[in-house]
N, C-alpha and C. Protein backbone atom coordinates (compact mmCIF):
# COMPACT_ATOMS: atom_id res chain seq x y z
N MET A 1 102.48 -75.25 79.49
CA MET A 1 102.66 -76.10 78.33
C MET A 1 103.12 -75.23 77.15
N PHE A 2 104.17 -75.66 76.47
CA PHE A 2 104.72 -74.92 75.33
C PHE A 2 103.90 -75.23 74.08
N VAL A 3 103.45 -74.18 73.41
CA VAL A 3 102.70 -74.32 72.16
C VAL A 3 103.63 -73.95 71.01
N ALA A 4 103.73 -74.84 70.03
CA ALA A 4 104.62 -74.62 68.89
C ALA A 4 104.27 -73.31 68.17
N ASN A 5 105.29 -72.62 67.74
CA ASN A 5 105.16 -71.35 67.04
C ASN A 5 105.36 -71.62 65.55
N PRO A 6 104.35 -71.36 64.71
CA PRO A 6 104.50 -71.63 63.27
C PRO A 6 105.64 -70.85 62.63
N LEU A 7 105.88 -69.61 63.08
CA LEU A 7 106.99 -68.81 62.54
C LEU A 7 108.32 -69.48 62.88
N ARG A 8 108.47 -69.95 64.11
CA ARG A 8 109.71 -70.61 64.51
C ARG A 8 109.90 -71.92 63.75
N THR A 9 108.84 -72.68 63.60
CA THR A 9 108.91 -73.94 62.87
C THR A 9 109.38 -73.69 61.44
N PHE A 10 108.79 -72.67 60.80
CA PHE A 10 109.19 -72.29 59.45
C PHE A 10 110.65 -71.84 59.41
N ALA A 11 111.03 -70.95 60.34
CA ALA A 11 112.40 -70.43 60.37
C ALA A 11 113.42 -71.55 60.60
N ASP A 12 113.10 -72.48 61.50
CA ASP A 12 114.00 -73.62 61.74
C ASP A 12 114.20 -74.43 60.47
N SER A 13 113.13 -74.64 59.71
CA SER A 13 113.26 -75.42 58.47
C SER A 13 114.08 -74.66 57.43
N VAL A 14 113.90 -73.35 57.35
CA VAL A 14 114.66 -72.53 56.40
C VAL A 14 116.14 -72.51 56.78
N MET A 15 116.44 -72.51 58.06
CA MET A 15 117.84 -72.45 58.51
C MET A 15 118.62 -73.72 58.14
N LYS A 16 117.94 -74.76 57.70
CA LYS A 16 118.60 -75.99 57.25
C LYS A 16 118.97 -75.93 55.77
N LYS A 17 118.47 -74.91 55.09
CA LYS A 17 118.76 -74.74 53.66
C LYS A 17 120.19 -74.23 53.48
N PRO A 18 120.71 -74.31 52.24
CA PRO A 18 122.05 -73.76 51.99
C PRO A 18 122.09 -72.27 52.35
N LEU A 19 123.24 -71.82 52.81
CA LEU A 19 123.41 -70.45 53.28
C LEU A 19 122.93 -69.41 52.28
N TRP A 20 123.25 -69.61 51.00
CA TRP A 20 122.87 -68.62 49.98
C TRP A 20 121.36 -68.48 49.82
N LEU A 21 120.60 -69.52 50.23
CA LEU A 21 119.16 -69.54 50.04
C LEU A 21 118.37 -69.10 51.28
N ARG A 22 118.94 -69.33 52.46
CA ARG A 22 118.23 -69.06 53.72
C ARG A 22 117.62 -67.67 53.79
N PHE A 23 118.47 -66.69 53.62
CA PHE A 23 118.03 -65.31 53.85
C PHE A 23 117.15 -64.80 52.73
N LYS A 24 117.29 -65.37 51.54
CA LYS A 24 116.38 -65.02 50.43
C LYS A 24 114.97 -65.47 50.77
N ILE A 25 114.82 -66.68 51.30
CA ILE A 25 113.50 -67.20 51.66
C ILE A 25 112.91 -66.41 52.82
N LEU A 26 113.70 -66.20 53.88
CA LEU A 26 113.20 -65.45 55.03
C LEU A 26 112.78 -64.03 54.62
N THR A 27 113.60 -63.39 53.79
CA THR A 27 113.28 -62.04 53.32
C THR A 27 111.99 -62.05 52.52
N TRP A 28 111.85 -62.99 51.60
CA TRP A 28 110.65 -63.05 50.77
C TRP A 28 109.40 -63.20 51.62
N VAL A 29 109.42 -64.10 52.57
CA VAL A 29 108.25 -64.34 53.42
C VAL A 29 107.96 -63.13 54.31
N PHE A 30 109.01 -62.55 54.88
CA PHE A 30 108.82 -61.38 55.74
C PHE A 30 108.24 -60.22 54.95
N ARG A 31 108.74 -60.00 53.74
CA ARG A 31 108.20 -58.94 52.87
C ARG A 31 106.74 -59.20 52.51
N TYR A 32 106.41 -60.46 52.30
CA TYR A 32 105.04 -60.83 51.95
C TYR A 32 104.09 -60.56 53.12
N LYS A 33 104.53 -60.90 54.33
CA LYS A 33 103.69 -60.74 55.52
C LYS A 33 103.61 -59.30 56.01
N VAL A 34 104.72 -58.57 55.90
CA VAL A 34 104.78 -57.18 56.38
C VAL A 34 104.95 -56.30 55.15
N LYS A 35 103.85 -55.80 54.65
CA LYS A 35 103.82 -55.12 53.34
C LYS A 35 104.78 -53.94 53.25
N LEU A 36 104.90 -53.12 54.29
CA LEU A 36 105.79 -51.96 54.24
C LEU A 36 107.25 -52.40 54.09
N VAL A 37 107.61 -53.51 54.69
CA VAL A 37 108.96 -54.07 54.54
C VAL A 37 109.21 -54.41 53.08
N GLY A 38 108.20 -54.94 52.41
CA GLY A 38 108.32 -55.24 50.99
C GLY A 38 108.43 -53.97 50.15
N THR A 39 107.63 -52.98 50.47
CA THR A 39 107.66 -51.71 49.74
C THR A 39 109.04 -51.07 49.83
N CYS A 40 109.64 -51.11 51.01
CA CYS A 40 110.96 -50.50 51.23
C CYS A 40 112.13 -51.43 50.84
N ARG A 41 111.79 -52.64 50.45
CA ARG A 41 112.78 -53.66 50.06
C ARG A 41 113.81 -53.95 51.17
N VAL A 42 113.31 -54.05 52.38
CA VAL A 42 114.16 -54.43 53.51
C VAL A 42 114.57 -55.88 53.32
N GLU A 43 115.81 -56.20 53.66
CA GLU A 43 116.34 -57.56 53.53
C GLU A 43 116.78 -58.09 54.88
N ILE A 44 116.60 -59.40 55.09
CA ILE A 44 117.20 -60.08 56.23
C ILE A 44 118.52 -60.62 55.71
N ILE A 45 119.63 -60.13 56.25
CA ILE A 45 120.93 -60.56 55.73
C ILE A 45 121.66 -61.52 56.66
N ASP A 46 121.16 -61.67 57.90
CA ASP A 46 121.77 -62.63 58.81
C ASP A 46 120.83 -62.88 59.99
N THR A 47 120.81 -64.10 60.48
CA THR A 47 120.10 -64.42 61.71
C THR A 47 120.55 -65.78 62.21
N ASP A 48 120.55 -65.91 63.52
CA ASP A 48 120.71 -67.22 64.16
C ASP A 48 119.45 -67.49 65.01
N LEU A 49 118.43 -66.69 64.80
CA LEU A 49 117.13 -66.72 65.47
C LEU A 49 117.18 -66.21 66.91
N LYS A 50 118.35 -65.84 67.37
CA LYS A 50 118.52 -65.16 68.65
C LYS A 50 118.86 -63.69 68.38
N SER A 51 119.47 -63.48 67.22
CA SER A 51 119.75 -62.12 66.74
C SER A 51 119.41 -62.08 65.26
N ALA A 52 119.23 -60.86 64.74
CA ALA A 52 118.89 -60.71 63.33
C ALA A 52 119.45 -59.40 62.82
N THR A 53 119.93 -59.43 61.57
CA THR A 53 120.43 -58.23 60.91
C THR A 53 119.54 -57.94 59.72
N PHE A 54 118.92 -56.77 59.75
CA PHE A 54 118.06 -56.29 58.66
C PHE A 54 118.79 -55.16 57.95
N PHE A 55 118.61 -55.08 56.62
CA PHE A 55 119.35 -54.16 55.78
C PHE A 55 118.41 -53.43 54.84
N VAL A 56 118.69 -52.15 54.58
CA VAL A 56 117.95 -51.42 53.55
C VAL A 56 118.95 -50.59 52.75
N LYS A 57 118.83 -50.68 51.45
CA LYS A 57 119.69 -49.94 50.54
C LYS A 57 119.18 -48.50 50.45
N ASN A 58 120.11 -47.56 50.40
CA ASN A 58 119.76 -46.15 50.25
C ASN A 58 119.40 -45.90 48.78
N ARG A 59 118.12 -46.02 48.49
CA ARG A 59 117.64 -45.80 47.13
C ARG A 59 116.55 -44.74 47.18
N LYS A 60 116.22 -44.20 46.04
CA LYS A 60 115.32 -43.05 45.92
C LYS A 60 114.03 -43.19 46.74
N LYS A 61 113.38 -44.36 46.67
CA LYS A 61 112.07 -44.52 47.32
C LYS A 61 112.11 -44.51 48.85
N VAL A 62 113.28 -44.64 49.45
CA VAL A 62 113.37 -44.62 50.92
C VAL A 62 114.14 -43.41 51.43
N GLN A 63 114.44 -42.47 50.55
CA GLN A 63 115.24 -41.31 50.93
C GLN A 63 114.40 -40.16 51.46
N ASN A 64 115.07 -39.33 52.24
CA ASN A 64 114.47 -38.08 52.71
C ASN A 64 114.89 -36.95 51.77
N HIS A 65 114.63 -35.73 52.16
CA HIS A 65 114.91 -34.57 51.31
C HIS A 65 116.41 -34.27 51.14
N ILE A 66 117.28 -34.87 51.97
CA ILE A 66 118.72 -34.63 51.82
C ILE A 66 119.45 -35.83 51.22
N GLY A 67 118.69 -36.83 50.78
CA GLY A 67 119.29 -37.95 50.08
C GLY A 67 119.78 -39.10 50.94
N SER A 68 119.51 -39.05 52.24
CA SER A 68 119.88 -40.20 53.07
C SER A 68 118.63 -41.00 53.39
N VAL A 69 118.82 -42.16 54.00
CA VAL A 69 117.68 -43.01 54.35
C VAL A 69 116.76 -42.24 55.29
N HIS A 70 115.48 -42.25 54.98
CA HIS A 70 114.48 -41.52 55.74
C HIS A 70 114.41 -42.03 57.18
N ALA A 71 114.11 -41.13 58.11
CA ALA A 71 113.99 -41.47 59.53
C ALA A 71 112.96 -42.59 59.75
N ALA A 72 111.87 -42.55 59.01
CA ALA A 72 110.84 -43.59 59.15
C ALA A 72 111.35 -44.95 58.70
N THR A 73 112.22 -44.98 57.71
CA THR A 73 112.80 -46.24 57.25
C THR A 73 113.77 -46.80 58.29
N MET A 74 114.51 -45.90 58.94
CA MET A 74 115.40 -46.35 60.03
C MET A 74 114.57 -46.97 61.15
N ALA A 75 113.45 -46.34 61.48
CA ALA A 75 112.55 -46.89 62.50
C ALA A 75 112.00 -48.25 62.06
N LEU A 76 111.67 -48.36 60.77
CA LEU A 76 111.13 -49.61 60.23
C LEU A 76 112.12 -50.77 60.37
N ILE A 77 113.39 -50.55 60.04
CA ILE A 77 114.33 -51.68 60.14
C ILE A 77 114.61 -52.04 61.59
N ALA A 78 114.61 -51.05 62.49
CA ALA A 78 114.81 -51.35 63.91
C ALA A 78 113.61 -52.13 64.47
N GLU A 79 112.41 -51.69 64.13
CA GLU A 79 111.20 -52.37 64.61
C GLU A 79 111.08 -53.77 64.00
N SER A 80 111.42 -53.90 62.74
CA SER A 80 111.32 -55.20 62.06
C SER A 80 112.32 -56.21 62.61
N ALA A 81 113.55 -55.79 62.80
CA ALA A 81 114.58 -56.70 63.33
C ALA A 81 114.23 -57.17 64.74
N THR A 82 113.80 -56.24 65.59
CA THR A 82 113.45 -56.62 66.96
C THR A 82 112.18 -57.47 66.98
N GLY A 83 111.22 -57.12 66.14
CA GLY A 83 109.99 -57.91 66.07
C GLY A 83 110.24 -59.32 65.59
N PHE A 84 111.17 -59.47 64.66
CA PHE A 84 111.50 -60.80 64.14
C PHE A 84 112.07 -61.68 65.25
N VAL A 85 113.05 -61.17 66.01
CA VAL A 85 113.66 -62.01 67.06
C VAL A 85 112.68 -62.32 68.18
N VAL A 86 111.80 -61.37 68.49
CA VAL A 86 110.76 -61.66 69.49
C VAL A 86 109.79 -62.70 68.92
N GLY A 87 109.36 -62.50 67.69
CA GLY A 87 108.37 -63.39 67.07
C GLY A 87 108.82 -64.83 66.94
N VAL A 88 110.09 -65.06 66.60
CA VAL A 88 110.55 -66.44 66.42
C VAL A 88 110.84 -67.14 67.75
N ASN A 89 110.91 -66.38 68.84
CA ASN A 89 111.21 -66.98 70.14
C ASN A 89 110.00 -67.06 71.07
N LEU A 90 108.87 -66.59 70.62
CA LEU A 90 107.66 -66.57 71.43
C LEU A 90 106.84 -67.83 71.17
N PRO A 91 106.27 -68.44 72.21
CA PRO A 91 105.40 -69.59 71.98
C PRO A 91 104.22 -69.22 71.08
N GLY A 92 103.66 -70.21 70.40
CA GLY A 92 102.61 -69.99 69.43
C GLY A 92 101.29 -69.50 69.98
N ASP A 93 101.08 -69.60 71.30
CA ASP A 93 99.83 -69.12 71.90
C ASP A 93 99.94 -67.69 72.42
N LYS A 94 101.05 -67.02 72.07
CA LYS A 94 101.27 -65.63 72.49
C LYS A 94 101.31 -64.72 71.27
N LEU A 95 100.99 -63.45 71.49
CA LEU A 95 100.95 -62.45 70.44
C LEU A 95 101.96 -61.35 70.76
N PRO A 96 102.95 -61.10 69.88
CA PRO A 96 103.91 -60.02 70.14
C PRO A 96 103.30 -58.67 69.75
N LEU A 97 103.58 -57.65 70.55
CA LEU A 97 103.07 -56.30 70.30
C LEU A 97 104.16 -55.28 70.59
N ILE A 98 104.37 -54.35 69.68
CA ILE A 98 105.31 -53.27 69.95
C ILE A 98 104.61 -52.33 70.93
N LYS A 99 105.25 -52.06 72.03
CA LYS A 99 104.65 -51.21 73.07
C LYS A 99 105.06 -49.75 72.86
N SER A 100 106.35 -49.55 72.55
CA SER A 100 106.80 -48.19 72.26
C SER A 100 108.13 -48.24 71.52
N MET A 101 108.39 -47.14 70.81
CA MET A 101 109.66 -46.94 70.12
C MET A 101 110.19 -45.59 70.57
N ASN A 102 111.46 -45.57 70.94
CA ASN A 102 112.10 -44.31 71.26
C ASN A 102 113.30 -44.18 70.32
N LEU A 103 113.25 -43.17 69.47
CA LEU A 103 114.32 -42.98 68.48
C LEU A 103 114.92 -41.59 68.65
N LYS A 104 116.23 -41.56 68.83
CA LYS A 104 116.95 -40.29 68.93
C LYS A 104 117.89 -40.20 67.75
N TYR A 105 117.59 -39.27 66.86
CA TYR A 105 118.41 -39.09 65.67
C TYR A 105 119.57 -38.15 66.05
N VAL A 106 120.78 -38.71 66.11
CA VAL A 106 121.92 -37.97 66.67
C VAL A 106 122.91 -37.47 65.63
N LYS A 107 122.88 -38.02 64.44
CA LYS A 107 123.75 -37.54 63.36
C LYS A 107 123.20 -37.95 62.01
N ARG A 108 123.73 -37.33 60.99
CA ARG A 108 123.29 -37.62 59.62
C ARG A 108 123.74 -39.02 59.21
N ALA A 109 122.85 -39.72 58.50
CA ALA A 109 123.16 -41.06 58.00
C ALA A 109 123.74 -40.96 56.59
N TYR A 110 124.68 -41.84 56.29
CA TYR A 110 125.30 -41.90 54.97
C TYR A 110 125.18 -43.31 54.40
N GLY A 111 124.60 -43.41 53.22
CA GLY A 111 124.56 -44.69 52.51
C GLY A 111 123.51 -45.65 53.04
N ASP A 112 123.77 -46.93 52.81
CA ASP A 112 122.85 -48.00 53.21
C ASP A 112 122.82 -48.12 54.73
N MET A 113 121.74 -48.73 55.23
CA MET A 113 121.55 -48.86 56.68
C MET A 113 121.31 -50.31 57.06
N GLN A 114 121.71 -50.64 58.30
CA GLN A 114 121.36 -51.95 58.83
C GLN A 114 121.02 -51.83 60.31
N ALA A 115 120.19 -52.76 60.77
CA ALA A 115 119.80 -52.84 62.18
C ALA A 115 120.09 -54.25 62.66
N VAL A 116 120.76 -54.34 63.80
CA VAL A 116 121.07 -55.64 64.41
C VAL A 116 120.34 -55.71 65.75
N ALA A 117 119.41 -56.65 65.86
CA ALA A 117 118.63 -56.85 67.08
C ALA A 117 119.08 -58.14 67.74
N THR A 118 119.13 -58.12 69.08
CA THR A 118 119.61 -59.29 69.81
C THR A 118 118.78 -59.50 71.08
N LEU A 119 118.45 -60.75 71.34
CA LEU A 119 117.84 -61.14 72.61
C LEU A 119 118.88 -61.86 73.46
N THR A 120 118.81 -61.66 74.77
CA THR A 120 119.68 -62.40 75.68
C THR A 120 119.04 -63.75 75.98
N ASP A 121 119.82 -64.68 76.52
CA ASP A 121 119.27 -65.98 76.92
C ASP A 121 118.18 -65.80 77.97
N GLU A 122 118.39 -64.83 78.86
CA GLU A 122 117.39 -64.55 79.90
C GLU A 122 116.08 -64.06 79.29
N GLN A 123 116.16 -63.19 78.29
CA GLN A 123 114.95 -62.70 77.64
C GLN A 123 114.21 -63.83 76.93
N ILE A 124 114.95 -64.73 76.28
CA ILE A 124 114.32 -65.87 75.61
C ILE A 124 113.62 -66.76 76.63
N HIS A 125 114.25 -66.97 77.77
CA HIS A 125 113.64 -67.77 78.84
C HIS A 125 112.34 -67.12 79.33
N ILE A 126 112.36 -65.80 79.51
CA ILE A 126 111.17 -65.07 79.95
C ILE A 126 110.05 -65.19 78.91
N LEU A 127 110.40 -65.02 77.63
CA LEU A 127 109.40 -65.15 76.56
C LEU A 127 108.71 -66.51 76.60
N LYS A 128 109.48 -67.55 76.85
CA LYS A 128 108.94 -68.91 76.81
C LYS A 128 108.20 -69.30 78.08
N SER A 129 108.49 -68.63 79.19
CA SER A 129 107.93 -69.06 80.47
C SER A 129 106.83 -68.16 81.04
N GLU A 130 106.77 -66.90 80.63
CA GLU A 130 105.79 -65.97 81.19
C GLU A 130 104.58 -65.84 80.26
N PRO A 131 103.36 -65.87 80.80
CA PRO A 131 102.17 -65.75 79.97
C PRO A 131 102.04 -64.38 79.29
N LYS A 132 102.56 -63.35 79.96
CA LYS A 132 102.60 -62.02 79.36
C LYS A 132 103.74 -61.25 80.00
N GLY A 133 104.17 -60.22 79.31
CA GLY A 133 105.27 -59.42 79.85
C GLY A 133 105.75 -58.42 78.83
N ASP A 134 106.86 -57.79 79.15
CA ASP A 134 107.45 -56.82 78.24
C ASP A 134 108.90 -56.56 78.63
N PHE A 135 109.68 -56.10 77.65
CA PHE A 135 111.06 -55.68 77.89
C PHE A 135 111.60 -54.93 76.68
N LEU A 136 112.73 -54.25 76.89
CA LEU A 136 113.42 -53.58 75.80
C LEU A 136 114.23 -54.60 75.03
N VAL A 137 114.19 -54.53 73.72
CA VAL A 137 114.99 -55.41 72.88
C VAL A 137 116.15 -54.58 72.32
N SER A 138 117.34 -55.09 72.51
CA SER A 138 118.54 -54.38 72.07
C SER A 138 118.60 -54.32 70.55
N VAL A 139 118.86 -53.12 70.02
CA VAL A 139 119.01 -52.94 68.58
C VAL A 139 120.02 -51.83 68.32
N LYS A 140 120.87 -52.07 67.33
CA LYS A 140 121.85 -51.07 66.93
C LYS A 140 121.66 -50.80 65.44
N VAL A 141 121.41 -49.54 65.10
CA VAL A 141 121.19 -49.13 63.72
C VAL A 141 122.43 -48.36 63.25
N THR A 142 123.05 -48.86 62.18
CA THR A 142 124.27 -48.22 61.68
C THR A 142 124.14 -47.92 60.19
N ASP A 143 124.93 -46.92 59.76
CA ASP A 143 124.95 -46.58 58.35
C ASP A 143 126.15 -47.25 57.68
N GLU A 144 126.33 -46.95 56.40
CA GLU A 144 127.38 -47.57 55.59
C GLU A 144 128.79 -47.35 56.16
N SER A 145 128.99 -46.22 56.84
CA SER A 145 130.32 -45.92 57.38
C SER A 145 130.52 -46.49 58.78
N GLY A 146 129.51 -47.17 59.32
CA GLY A 146 129.63 -47.77 60.65
C GLY A 146 129.16 -46.86 61.76
N ASN A 147 128.75 -45.64 61.42
CA ASN A 147 128.23 -44.71 62.43
C ASN A 147 126.83 -45.12 62.85
N GLU A 148 126.44 -44.71 64.04
CA GLU A 148 125.11 -45.00 64.59
C GLU A 148 124.31 -43.68 64.60
N PRO A 149 123.64 -43.36 63.47
CA PRO A 149 122.95 -42.07 63.38
C PRO A 149 121.67 -41.98 64.22
N VAL A 150 121.16 -43.11 64.65
CA VAL A 150 119.95 -43.12 65.47
C VAL A 150 120.16 -44.10 66.63
N ILE A 151 119.80 -43.64 67.81
CA ILE A 151 119.80 -44.50 68.99
C ILE A 151 118.35 -44.96 69.16
N ALA A 152 118.14 -46.25 69.03
CA ALA A 152 116.78 -46.79 69.03
C ALA A 152 116.54 -47.69 70.24
N GLU A 153 115.38 -47.51 70.87
CA GLU A 153 114.91 -48.39 71.94
C GLU A 153 113.57 -48.95 71.51
N MET A 154 113.47 -50.25 71.44
CA MET A 154 112.23 -50.90 71.05
C MET A 154 111.70 -51.70 72.24
N HIS A 155 110.53 -51.30 72.70
CA HIS A 155 109.91 -51.92 73.87
C HIS A 155 108.81 -52.87 73.37
N TRP A 156 109.06 -54.16 73.54
CA TRP A 156 108.12 -55.18 73.07
C TRP A 156 107.36 -55.80 74.24
N ALA A 157 106.12 -56.15 73.98
CA ALA A 157 105.28 -56.84 74.96
C ALA A 157 104.70 -58.08 74.29
N TRP A 158 104.16 -58.96 75.10
CA TRP A 158 103.45 -60.11 74.56
C TRP A 158 102.29 -60.44 75.50
N VAL A 159 101.24 -60.95 74.90
CA VAL A 159 100.03 -61.34 75.63
C VAL A 159 99.55 -62.67 75.07
N GLU A 160 98.66 -63.30 75.80
CA GLU A 160 98.08 -64.53 75.29
C GLU A 160 97.11 -64.20 74.16
N LYS A 161 97.10 -65.05 73.12
CA LYS A 161 96.15 -64.85 72.02
C LYS A 161 94.74 -65.12 72.51
N ASP A 162 93.80 -64.42 71.88
CA ASP A 162 92.38 -64.67 72.19
C ASP A 162 92.03 -66.10 71.80
N LYS A 163 91.29 -66.76 72.65
CA LYS A 163 90.86 -68.14 72.36
C LYS A 163 89.44 -68.09 71.86
N LYS A 164 89.28 -67.94 70.54
CA LYS A 164 87.94 -67.82 69.95
C LYS A 164 87.43 -69.15 69.50
């Protein structure tokens, strides 16, 4: 039996708003719920609820010692984007959990950063039909010049919520 997901219900209602307002609302709520995302001023700049693009501006508070976006901030946008697409596609009686992150920093980042996470139709079907499971969620993290300074693998799992 499918249990409605409050996050999905909310996201579906927001997606009916005018384009200029959708991502402002989603960003505000996500920042409110995930405090570090708010601290780093991560933005949701696009989503169709099957994929999501998260963005962070290269500003002083998220920089490393060489003036580029800090490695931890790159991990944050990758984890947030993948968590968002898993969260909005999971039934309401399941709990999403990050199982592992594998990040390989392969080149220097320049400027602002974005992460694009995508689920396949098969992954969405598995999320909706299996009581628990796990898989890698595809994510690509790029800098302002279009380079991919970090190769990220986000391994997400889900379990049934405790019935208290």
